[in-house]
Protein backbone atom coordinates (compact mmCIF):
# COMPACT_ATOMS: atom_id res chain seq x y z
CA MET A 1 -42.62 -71.55 20.53
CA ALA A 2 -42.84 -75.15 20.86
CA LEU A 3 -41.35 -77.14 17.96
CA THR A 4 -41.44 -80.83 17.69
CA LEU A 5 -40.39 -83.53 14.75
CA ARG A 6 -40.46 -86.72 16.50
CA ASP A 7 -44.33 -86.83 17.99
CA GLY A 8 -43.33 -88.09 21.48
CA ARG A 9 -40.65 -90.10 20.69
CA PRO A 10 -36.65 -89.36 22.02
CA GLY A 11 -35.25 -87.42 19.28
CA GLY A 12 -31.31 -86.98 20.38
CA SER A 13 -29.53 -84.88 18.06
CA ILE A 14 -32.63 -83.23 16.71
CA GLU A 15 -34.67 -82.73 19.77
CA HIS A 16 -31.42 -81.05 21.17
CA PHE A 17 -31.19 -78.64 18.69
CA LEU A 18 -34.95 -77.69 18.65
CA ALA A 19 -34.38 -77.16 22.55
CA LEU A 20 -31.36 -74.92 21.86
CA LEU A 21 -33.53 -73.23 18.98
CA GLN A 22 -36.29 -72.67 21.22
CA TYR A 23 -34.01 -71.33 23.83
CA ARG A 24 -32.00 -69.13 21.90
CA LEU A 25 -34.35 -68.05 18.57
CA PRO A 26 -36.56 -65.41 20.82
CA PHE A 27 -33.53 -63.75 22.20
CA TRP A 28 -31.85 -63.39 18.88
CA LEU A 29 -35.06 -61.88 17.59
CA SER A 30 -35.71 -59.75 20.46
CA VAL A 31 -31.82 -58.50 19.82
CA LEU A 32 -32.66 -57.65 16.09
CA TYR A 33 -35.99 -56.00 16.87
CA ASP A 34 -34.36 -53.72 19.44
CA LEU A 35 -32.42 -52.66 16.82
CA SER A 36 -35.46 -50.41 15.85
CA HIS A 37 -34.80 -48.08 18.59
CA ARG A 38 -31.36 -47.29 17.19
CA VAL A 39 -32.58 -45.34 14.29
CA GLY A 40 -30.93 -41.91 14.16
CA GLN A 41 -28.98 -42.83 17.09
CA GLY A 42 -25.07 -42.95 16.97
CA GLN A 43 -23.46 -44.53 13.61
CA VAL A 44 -24.99 -47.16 11.42
CA ASN A 45 -22.38 -49.39 11.38
CA ASP A 46 -21.54 -48.91 15.08
CA ASN A 47 -25.29 -50.00 15.32
CA LEU A 48 -24.78 -52.82 13.23
CA ILE A 49 -21.51 -54.42 14.63
CA PRO A 50 -22.77 -55.47 17.85
CA ILE A 51 -25.49 -57.36 15.74
CA ALA A 52 -23.19 -59.05 13.49
CA ARG A 53 -20.90 -60.13 16.53
CA ALA A 54 -24.16 -61.44 17.98
CA GLY A 55 -25.23 -63.13 14.92
CA ILE A 56 -21.83 -64.90 14.55
CA ASP A 57 -22.43 -66.08 18.32
CA TYR A 58 -25.78 -67.17 17.97
CA TYR A 59 -25.14 -68.94 14.29
CA LEU A 60 -22.00 -70.84 16.27
CA GLU A 61 -24.16 -71.84 19.19
CA VAL A 62 -27.10 -72.97 17.03
CA GLN A 63 -25.06 -74.52 13.70
CA SER A 64 -22.93 -76.87 16.37
CA ALA A 65 -26.23 -78.32 17.53
CA ALA A 66 -27.66 -78.27 14.00
CA LEU A 67 -25.10 -80.16 11.98
CA PRO A 68 -25.41 -83.37 13.77
CA ALA A 69 -29.82 -83.12 13.51
CA PHE A 70 -30.10 -83.04 9.85
CA SER A 71 -28.47 -86.38 8.81
CA SER A 72 -31.39 -87.40 6.63
CA LEU A 73 -33.37 -85.46 3.80
CA ASN A 74 -36.40 -86.68 5.97
CA VAL A 75 -35.53 -84.83 8.89
CA THR A 76 -34.77 -81.97 6.96
CA ALA A 77 -38.10 -81.79 5.26
CA ARG A 78 -39.60 -81.90 8.41
CA PHE A 79 -38.33 -79.50 10.34
CA ARG A 80 -38.61 -77.08 7.34
CA ASP A 81 -42.18 -77.63 7.76
CA ALA A 82 -42.11 -77.17 11.22
CA ILE A 83 -40.24 -73.96 10.72
CA ARG A 84 -42.76 -72.79 7.95
CA ASP A 85 -45.91 -73.71 10.36
CA ALA A 86 -44.42 -71.73 12.97
CA GLY A 87 -43.57 -68.28 11.06
CA LEU A 88 -40.20 -68.70 11.90
CA GLY A 89 -38.76 -69.03 8.61
CA PRO A 90 -35.69 -66.62 6.93
CA GLU A 91 -38.05 -63.31 7.03
CA ALA A 92 -38.30 -63.48 10.89
CA GLU A 93 -34.52 -62.35 10.86
CA VAL A 94 -34.38 -60.28 8.02
CA ALA A 95 -37.33 -58.00 8.28
CA PRO A 96 -36.35 -56.53 11.61
CA LEU A 97 -32.79 -55.77 9.92
CA ALA A 98 -34.37 -54.49 6.72
CA ALA A 99 -36.86 -52.05 8.92
CA TYR A 100 -34.06 -50.83 10.47
CA LEU A 101 -32.07 -50.32 7.18
CA ARG A 102 -35.17 -48.86 5.88
CA GLY A 103 -35.46 -46.07 9.01
CA GLU A 104 -31.94 -45.19 8.51
CA GLN A 105 -32.26 -44.77 4.62
CA ARG A 106 -35.07 -42.34 5.02
CA LEU A 107 -32.92 -40.21 7.35
CA GLY A 108 -30.02 -40.21 4.47
CA ARG A 109 -27.84 -42.25 6.80
CA VAL A 110 -27.95 -45.21 4.41
CA ALA A 111 -27.49 -44.75 0.67
CA ALA A 112 -30.38 -44.47 -0.93
CA GLY A 113 -29.13 -47.11 -3.91
CA VAL A 114 -28.95 -49.55 -0.91
CA ASP A 115 -31.76 -52.80 -0.97
CA PRO A 116 -32.37 -52.89 2.63
CA GLU A 117 -33.57 -56.83 2.37
CA ALA A 118 -30.77 -57.52 0.63
CA SER A 119 -28.44 -56.02 2.91
CA ALA A 120 -29.93 -57.54 5.88
CA ARG A 121 -29.43 -61.06 4.22
CA LEU A 122 -26.26 -60.80 3.57
CA LEU A 123 -25.25 -59.30 6.84
CA LEU A 124 -26.95 -62.62 8.20
CA ALA A 125 -25.34 -64.67 5.44
CA GLY A 126 -21.94 -63.09 6.46
CA CYS A 127 -22.44 -64.22 10.39
CA PHE A 128 -23.97 -67.60 9.17
CA TYR A 129 -20.89 -68.33 7.08
CA ARG A 130 -18.38 -67.47 9.52
CA ALA A 131 -19.91 -69.44 12.16
CA ASN A 132 -19.97 -72.30 10.09
CA MET A 133 -16.23 -72.10 9.08
CA GLU A 134 -15.08 -71.77 12.58
CA LEU A 135 -16.86 -74.84 13.51
CA ILE A 136 -15.79 -76.93 10.21
CA VAL A 137 -11.93 -75.26 10.23
CA GLY A 138 -11.97 -73.98 13.48
CA ALA A 139 -11.34 -70.19 14.54
CA ASP A 140 -7.68 -70.13 13.89
CA ASP A 141 -7.98 -69.47 10.13
CA PHE A 142 -9.87 -66.23 10.73
CA PRO A 143 -9.48 -62.83 12.75
CA PRO A 144 -11.18 -62.84 15.93
CA ARG A 145 -14.67 -62.57 16.00
CA ASP A 146 -15.33 -58.93 16.94
CA ALA A 147 -12.95 -57.85 13.72
CA GLY A 148 -14.94 -60.50 11.81
CA ALA A 149 -18.26 -58.55 12.35
CA GLU A 150 -16.46 -54.99 11.87
CA GLU A 151 -15.70 -56.73 8.23
CA ILE A 152 -19.23 -57.89 7.62
CA VAL A 153 -20.53 -54.65 8.42
CA ARG A 154 -18.13 -52.37 6.60
CA GLU A 155 -18.24 -54.62 3.30
CA LEU A 156 -22.07 -54.13 3.22
CA ARG A 157 -21.00 -50.50 2.05
CA LEU A 158 -24.08 -48.85 3.60
CA ARG A 159 -23.00 -45.09 3.87
CA PRO A 160 -24.25 -42.65 1.54
CA VAL A 161 -21.45 -41.09 -0.75
CA PRO A 162 -20.54 -37.62 -0.13
CA ALA A 163 -21.57 -35.35 -2.80
CA THR A 164 -18.70 -33.64 -4.44
């Protein structure tokens, strides 16, 4: 993955962000895709909690570099184009999570009424929110990251309701 926005010019914060993204994104995506090997194994929530924790850590690291990088609308628009051209839009993260949830749903381990794509987006949004709020206001106003990851996954309410 080679992203650049500066046409060879030194880029300061934006180049730092892109370098970090190029280093971290492949690892983060591999964590998400590795989840496919867990379909039918363990408990669904237990499989997702480490994903949520890794997501919080990933977004915390990446967003700390992104905040100073996106100081102008022009840079933001160019970044958006570069991400789109590289095929790394939001779907790159949503697809493997949604595929995992669909697989578990087929086995009856995720409730039939759950929308896998929406649930994947919600899990990622919870991780992103937690990381950004920790960056902005500090970690003291939140439960520890492990507890935060458990909370995000629990509140997705993926488990099938037992028949009565």
